[in-house]
Amino acid sequence: MSFLISDALAQTAPTAVQPGFEGMLFPLGILIFFYFLFIRPQSKRTKEQKQMLAALGKGAEVVTTGGILGKVAELDDNFVKLEVSDNSFIQVQRHAIANMMPKGTYKTLNSKKTKE
């Protein structure tokens, strides 16, 4: 039995082959995939949101992230005063504006409320 152990100790470890450029293709491919799948679309949405907030003006019809529809009455650097119904105003932070609605949306929905 001792002759088997000595043979096992005498063997040298196989030499490891260092991966070259080919070994880096798969990790780089994964990084590029995640960039186009997650990072790029998110940065595009952020850029569009900033442009929309910069174009915000008095009289614009907007929806907040909480789902409140209103017409912009006043603008500040940080806050927006929204008219949510006749002579009812709320103030929200500027970044809480989610979407700008087409002109006439606010008027149409308010006229439906008064008819009911």
N, C-alpha and C. Protein backbone atom coordinates (compact mmCIF):
# COMPACT_ATOMS: atom_id res chain seq x y z
N MET A 1 0.81 -1.18 0.00
CA MET A 1 0.00 0.00 0.00
C MET A 1 0.86 1.25 0.00
N SER A 2 2.00 1.20 0.61
CA SER A 2 2.85 2.38 0.69
C SER A 2 3.38 2.80 -0.67
N PHE A 3 3.51 1.87 -1.58
CA PHE A 3 4.00 2.26 -2.90
C PHE A 3 2.97 3.10 -3.67
N LEU A 4 1.64 3.00 -3.37
CA LEU A 4 0.63 3.83 -4.03
C LEU A 4 0.67 5.27 -3.53
N ILE A 5 0.93 5.42 -2.24
CA ILE A 5 0.97 6.76 -1.66
C ILE A 5 2.17 7.52 -2.18
N SER A 6 3.28 6.89 -2.25
CA SER A 6 4.48 7.57 -2.73
C SER A 6 4.33 7.98 -4.18
N ASP A 7 3.63 7.19 -4.98
CA ASP A 7 3.40 7.57 -6.38
C ASP A 7 2.50 8.79 -6.47
N ALA A 8 1.51 8.86 -5.60
CA ALA A 8 0.59 9.99 -5.63
C ALA A 8 1.29 11.27 -5.23
N LEU A 9 2.20 11.21 -4.28
CA LEU A 9 2.92 12.40 -3.86
C LEU A 9 3.95 12.83 -4.89
N ALA A 10 4.43 11.92 -5.63
CA ALA A 10 5.49 12.23 -6.58
C ALA A 10 4.96 12.92 -7.83
N GLN A 11 3.66 12.80 -8.09
CA GLN A 11 3.11 13.41 -9.30
C GLN A 11 3.09 14.92 -9.15
N THR A 12 3.35 15.61 -10.21
CA THR A 12 3.30 17.08 -10.20
C THR A 12 1.92 17.54 -10.65
N ALA A 13 1.54 18.68 -10.18
CA ALA A 13 0.24 19.23 -10.55
C ALA A 13 0.27 19.68 -12.01
N PRO A 14 -0.82 19.50 -12.71
CA PRO A 14 -0.84 19.94 -14.10
C PRO A 14 -0.74 21.47 -14.16
N THR A 15 -0.10 21.95 -15.17
CA THR A 15 0.08 23.40 -15.31
C THR A 15 -1.24 24.02 -15.77
N ALA A 16 -1.61 25.11 -15.13
CA ALA A 16 -2.85 25.79 -15.48
C ALA A 16 -2.59 26.72 -16.65
N VAL A 17 -3.52 26.71 -17.58
CA VAL A 17 -3.41 27.57 -18.75
C VAL A 17 -4.09 28.89 -18.42
N GLN A 18 -3.37 29.97 -18.57
CA GLN A 18 -3.92 31.29 -18.29
C GLN A 18 -4.88 31.67 -19.42
N PRO A 19 -6.12 32.07 -19.06
CA PRO A 19 -7.05 32.47 -20.12
C PRO A 19 -6.60 33.78 -20.75
N GLY A 20 -6.72 33.85 -22.00
CA GLY A 20 -6.36 35.06 -22.73
C GLY A 20 -7.59 35.92 -22.94
N PHE A 21 -7.63 36.58 -24.06
CA PHE A 21 -8.75 37.45 -24.41
C PHE A 21 -10.04 36.65 -24.55
N GLU A 22 -9.92 35.40 -25.00
CA GLU A 22 -11.10 34.55 -25.19
C GLU A 22 -11.82 34.29 -23.86
N GLY A 23 -11.06 34.20 -22.78
CA GLY A 23 -11.65 33.96 -21.48
C GLY A 23 -12.40 35.17 -20.95
N MET A 24 -12.16 36.34 -21.48
CA MET A 24 -12.82 37.56 -21.03
C MET A 24 -14.06 37.88 -21.86
N LEU A 25 -14.28 37.19 -22.96
CA LEU A 25 -15.42 37.50 -23.83
C LEU A 25 -16.75 37.27 -23.13
N PHE A 26 -16.90 36.18 -22.42
CA PHE A 26 -18.18 35.89 -21.76
C PHE A 26 -18.52 36.91 -20.68
N PRO A 27 -17.61 37.24 -19.74
CA PRO A 27 -17.95 38.28 -18.75
C PRO A 27 -18.22 39.64 -19.39
N LEU A 28 -17.47 40.00 -20.41
CA LEU A 28 -17.72 41.27 -21.10
C LEU A 28 -19.07 41.24 -21.80
N GLY A 29 -19.43 40.11 -22.36
CA GLY A 29 -20.74 39.97 -23.00
C GLY A 29 -21.88 40.15 -22.01
N ILE A 30 -21.71 39.61 -20.82
CA ILE A 30 -22.73 39.76 -19.78
C ILE A 30 -22.86 41.22 -19.37
N LEU A 31 -21.74 41.89 -19.19
CA LEU A 31 -21.77 43.31 -18.82
C LEU A 31 -22.46 44.16 -19.88
N ILE A 32 -22.16 43.91 -21.13
CA ILE A 32 -22.79 44.66 -22.22
C ILE A 32 -24.28 44.36 -22.27
N PHE A 33 -24.66 43.12 -22.07
CA PHE A 33 -26.07 42.73 -22.04
C PHE A 33 -26.82 43.49 -20.95
N PHE A 34 -26.27 43.52 -19.73
CA PHE A 34 -26.93 44.22 -18.63
C PHE A 34 -26.97 45.73 -18.88
N TYR A 35 -25.95 46.29 -19.52
CA TYR A 35 -25.96 47.71 -19.83
C TYR A 35 -27.14 48.04 -20.73
N PHE A 36 -27.32 47.29 -21.80
CA PHE A 36 -28.40 47.58 -22.74
C PHE A 36 -29.77 47.18 -22.20
N LEU A 37 -29.82 46.25 -21.27
CA LEU A 37 -31.09 45.80 -20.73
C LEU A 37 -31.58 46.67 -19.57
N PHE A 38 -30.68 47.15 -18.72
CA PHE A 38 -31.09 47.87 -17.51
C PHE A 38 -30.61 49.32 -17.44
N ILE A 39 -29.34 49.55 -17.61
CA ILE A 39 -28.77 50.86 -17.33
C ILE A 39 -29.16 51.89 -18.38
N ARG A 40 -29.06 51.57 -19.63
CA ARG A 40 -29.36 52.53 -20.70
C ARG A 40 -30.83 52.96 -20.70
N PRO A 41 -31.80 52.03 -20.62
CA PRO A 41 -33.20 52.47 -20.58
C PRO A 41 -33.52 53.35 -19.36
N GLN A 42 -32.93 53.04 -18.22
CA GLN A 42 -33.18 53.85 -17.03
C GLN A 42 -32.62 55.25 -17.19
N SER A 43 -31.45 55.38 -17.78
CA SER A 43 -30.88 56.71 -17.98
C SER A 43 -31.69 57.50 -19.01
N LYS A 44 -32.25 56.83 -20.00
CA LYS A 44 -33.11 57.50 -20.97
C LYS A 44 -34.38 58.04 -20.30
N ARG A 45 -35.00 57.22 -19.43
CA ARG A 45 -36.21 57.66 -18.71
C ARG A 45 -35.90 58.86 -17.81
N THR A 46 -34.76 58.83 -17.15
CA THR A 46 -34.37 59.93 -16.28
C THR A 46 -34.17 61.20 -17.08
N LYS A 47 -33.53 61.09 -18.22
CA LYS A 47 -33.30 62.25 -19.08
C LYS A 47 -34.63 62.82 -19.59
N GLU A 48 -35.55 61.97 -20.01
CA GLU A 48 -36.86 62.43 -20.47
C GLU A 48 -37.65 63.10 -19.35
N GLN A 49 -37.56 62.57 -18.12
CA GLN A 49 -38.24 63.15 -16.98
C GLN A 49 -37.70 64.55 -16.68
N LYS A 50 -36.38 64.72 -16.74
CA LYS A 50 -35.78 66.04 -16.51
C LYS A 50 -36.20 67.03 -17.58
N GLN A 51 -36.26 66.59 -18.83
CA GLN A 51 -36.70 67.47 -19.92
C GLN A 51 -38.15 67.88 -19.75
N MET A 52 -38.99 66.94 -19.32
CA MET A 52 -40.40 67.24 -19.11
C MET A 52 -40.58 68.24 -17.98
N LEU A 53 -39.84 68.08 -16.89
CA LEU A 53 -39.94 69.01 -15.77
C LEU A 53 -39.40 70.39 -16.13
N ALA A 54 -38.40 70.44 -17.00
CA ALA A 54 -37.86 71.73 -17.44
C ALA A 54 -38.87 72.45 -18.33
N ALA A 55 -39.66 71.71 -19.10
CA ALA A 55 -40.63 72.30 -20.01
C ALA A 55 -41.95 72.63 -19.32
N LEU A 56 -42.07 72.30 -18.05
CA LEU A 56 -43.30 72.52 -17.30
C LEU A 56 -43.57 74.02 -17.18
N GLY A 57 -44.80 74.41 -17.47
CA GLY A 57 -45.17 75.82 -17.41
C GLY A 57 -46.55 76.01 -16.81
N LYS A 58 -46.87 77.25 -16.53
CA LYS A 58 -48.17 77.57 -15.95
C LYS A 58 -49.27 77.20 -16.95
N GLY A 59 -50.30 76.54 -16.46
CA GLY A 59 -51.41 76.11 -17.30
C GLY A 59 -51.28 74.70 -17.84
N ALA A 60 -50.12 74.07 -17.61
CA ALA A 60 -49.93 72.70 -18.09
C ALA A 60 -50.77 71.75 -17.24
N GLU A 61 -51.29 70.71 -17.86
CA GLU A 61 -52.09 69.71 -17.16
C GLU A 61 -51.20 68.50 -16.89
N VAL A 62 -51.12 68.13 -15.62
CA VAL A 62 -50.17 67.10 -15.20
C VAL A 62 -50.84 66.07 -14.30
N VAL A 63 -50.16 64.93 -14.16
CA VAL A 63 -50.56 63.89 -13.22
C VAL A 63 -49.37 63.66 -12.30
N THR A 64 -49.62 63.60 -11.00
CA THR A 64 -48.55 63.34 -10.04
C THR A 64 -48.30 61.85 -9.93
N THR A 65 -47.23 61.51 -9.21
CA THR A 65 -46.93 60.09 -9.00
C THR A 65 -48.00 59.42 -8.15
N GLY A 66 -48.76 60.19 -7.39
CA GLY A 66 -49.86 59.65 -6.60
C GLY A 66 -51.14 59.51 -7.39
N GLY A 67 -51.16 59.98 -8.64
CA GLY A 67 -52.33 59.84 -9.49
C GLY A 67 -53.27 61.03 -9.46
N ILE A 68 -52.84 62.15 -8.93
CA ILE A 68 -53.69 63.34 -8.86
C ILE A 68 -53.54 64.14 -10.15
N LEU A 69 -54.68 64.43 -10.78
CA LEU A 69 -54.70 65.23 -12.00
C LEU A 69 -54.94 66.68 -11.62
N GLY A 70 -54.16 67.57 -12.19
CA GLY A 70 -54.35 68.98 -11.89
C GLY A 70 -53.74 69.86 -12.96
N LYS A 71 -54.07 71.14 -12.83
CA LYS A 71 -53.53 72.15 -13.73
C LYS A 71 -52.55 72.99 -12.95
N VAL A 72 -51.39 73.27 -13.53
CA VAL A 72 -50.35 74.03 -12.85
C VAL A 72 -50.81 75.48 -12.70
N ALA A 73 -50.85 75.95 -11.45
CA ALA A 73 -51.24 77.33 -11.17
C ALA A 73 -50.01 78.20 -10.93
N GLU A 74 -49.05 77.69 -10.18
CA GLU A 74 -47.81 78.42 -9.90
C GLU A 74 -46.64 77.45 -9.91
N LEU A 75 -45.47 77.99 -10.24
CA LEU A 75 -44.25 77.19 -10.28
C LEU A 75 -43.20 77.81 -9.37
N ASP A 76 -42.43 76.96 -8.74
CA ASP A 76 -41.30 77.37 -7.93
C ASP A 76 -40.13 76.48 -8.34
N ASP A 77 -38.97 76.71 -7.78
CA ASP A 77 -37.84 75.84 -8.09
C ASP A 77 -38.06 74.43 -7.57
N ASN A 78 -38.71 74.30 -6.43
CA ASN A 78 -38.89 72.98 -5.80
C ASN A 78 -40.34 72.51 -5.75
N PHE A 79 -41.29 73.43 -5.79
CA PHE A 79 -42.69 73.07 -5.60
C PHE A 79 -43.56 73.56 -6.75
N VAL A 80 -44.68 72.86 -6.94
CA VAL A 80 -45.66 73.22 -7.97
C VAL A 80 -47.02 73.30 -7.28
N LYS A 81 -47.74 74.36 -7.55
CA LYS A 81 -49.08 74.52 -7.00
C LYS A 81 -50.07 74.07 -8.08
N LEU A 82 -50.86 73.04 -7.75
CA LEU A 82 -51.80 72.47 -8.70
C LEU A 82 -53.23 72.82 -8.33
N GLU A 83 -54.01 73.16 -9.33
CA GLU A 83 -55.45 73.34 -9.14
C GLU A 83 -56.09 72.00 -9.44
N VAL A 84 -56.70 71.39 -8.41
CA VAL A 84 -57.28 70.06 -8.59
C VAL A 84 -58.77 70.11 -8.85
N SER A 85 -59.43 71.20 -8.46
CA SER A 85 -60.82 71.45 -8.80
C SER A 85 -61.01 72.96 -8.70
N ASP A 86 -62.23 73.45 -8.89
CA ASP A 86 -62.44 74.88 -8.86
C ASP A 86 -62.03 75.46 -7.52
N ASN A 87 -61.04 76.34 -7.56
CA ASN A 87 -60.50 77.03 -6.38
C ASN A 87 -60.00 76.08 -5.28
N SER A 88 -59.56 74.90 -5.63
CA SER A 88 -58.91 73.98 -4.70
C SER A 88 -57.49 73.73 -5.19
N PHE A 89 -56.53 74.04 -4.35
CA PHE A 89 -55.13 73.95 -4.74
C PHE A 89 -54.38 73.04 -3.79
N ILE A 90 -53.39 72.35 -4.32
CA ILE A 90 -52.46 71.59 -3.50
C ILE A 90 -51.06 71.90 -3.99
N GLN A 91 -50.09 71.74 -3.10
CA GLN A 91 -48.71 71.92 -3.50
C GLN A 91 -48.01 70.57 -3.44
N VAL A 92 -47.27 70.28 -4.48
CA VAL A 92 -46.50 69.04 -4.55
C VAL A 92 -45.07 69.40 -4.93
N GLN A 93 -44.16 68.50 -4.60
CA GLN A 93 -42.78 68.71 -5.02
C GLN A 93 -42.69 68.54 -6.52
N ARG A 94 -41.77 69.27 -7.10
CA ARG A 94 -41.64 69.28 -8.55
C ARG A 94 -41.33 67.89 -9.11
N HIS A 95 -40.50 67.13 -8.42
CA HIS A 95 -40.14 65.80 -8.93
C HIS A 95 -41.27 64.79 -8.77
N ALA A 96 -42.38 65.17 -8.11
CA ALA A 96 -43.52 64.27 -7.97
C ALA A 96 -44.43 64.30 -9.18
N ILE A 97 -44.14 65.16 -10.15
CA ILE A 97 -44.91 65.21 -11.39
C ILE A 97 -44.48 64.03 -12.25
N ALA A 98 -45.44 63.18 -12.59
CA ALA A 98 -45.12 61.97 -13.35
C ALA A 98 -45.27 62.18 -14.86
N ASN A 99 -46.39 62.78 -15.29
CA ASN A 99 -46.67 62.94 -16.73
C ASN A 99 -47.35 64.26 -17.01
N MET A 100 -47.15 64.73 -18.21
CA MET A 100 -47.92 65.86 -18.70
C MET A 100 -49.05 65.29 -19.55
N MET A 101 -50.25 65.79 -19.34
CA MET A 101 -51.41 65.29 -20.06
C MET A 101 -51.70 66.21 -21.24
N PRO A 102 -52.42 65.72 -22.26
CA PRO A 102 -52.81 66.57 -23.38
C PRO A 102 -53.74 67.68 -22.92
N LYS A 103 -53.67 68.82 -23.61
CA LYS A 103 -54.54 69.94 -23.28
C LYS A 103 -55.99 69.52 -23.38
N GLY A 104 -56.80 69.93 -22.41
CA GLY A 104 -58.21 69.63 -22.41
C GLY A 104 -58.60 68.47 -21.52
N THR A 105 -57.64 67.70 -21.05
CA THR A 105 -57.94 66.55 -20.19
C THR A 105 -58.54 67.02 -18.87
N TYR A 106 -57.94 68.00 -18.26
CA TYR A 106 -58.40 68.51 -16.97
C TYR A 106 -59.80 69.09 -17.10
N LYS A 107 -60.03 69.86 -18.14
CA LYS A 107 -61.33 70.50 -18.35
C LYS A 107 -62.42 69.45 -18.59
N THR A 108 -62.10 68.44 -19.38
CA THR A 108 -63.06 67.38 -19.68
C THR A 108 -63.46 66.62 -18.42
N LEU A 109 -62.49 66.27 -17.60
CA LEU A 109 -62.79 65.52 -16.40
C LEU A 109 -63.53 66.35 -15.36
N ASN A 110 -63.22 67.64 -15.28
CA ASN A 110 -63.94 68.51 -14.33
C ASN A 110 -65.36 68.75 -14.79
N SER A 111 -65.61 68.83 -16.09
CA SER A 111 -66.97 69.02 -16.56
C SER A 111 -67.82 67.76 -16.32
N LYS A 112 -67.21 66.59 -16.35
CA LYS A 112 -67.92 65.34 -16.06
C LYS A 112 -68.32 65.30 -14.58
N LYS A 113 -67.46 65.80 -13.70
CA LYS A 113 -67.75 65.80 -12.27
C LYS A 113 -68.93 66.72 -11.96
N THR A 114 -68.98 67.87 -12.60
CA THR A 114 -70.05 68.83 -12.30
C THR A 114 -71.40 68.35 -12.83
N LYS A 115 -71.41 67.55 -13.88
CA LYS A 115 -72.66 67.03 -14.43
C LYS A 115 -73.26 65.96 -13.53
N GLU A 116 -72.42 65.22 -12.83
CA GLU A 116 -72.90 64.11 -12.00
C GLU A 116 -73.40 64.59 -10.72
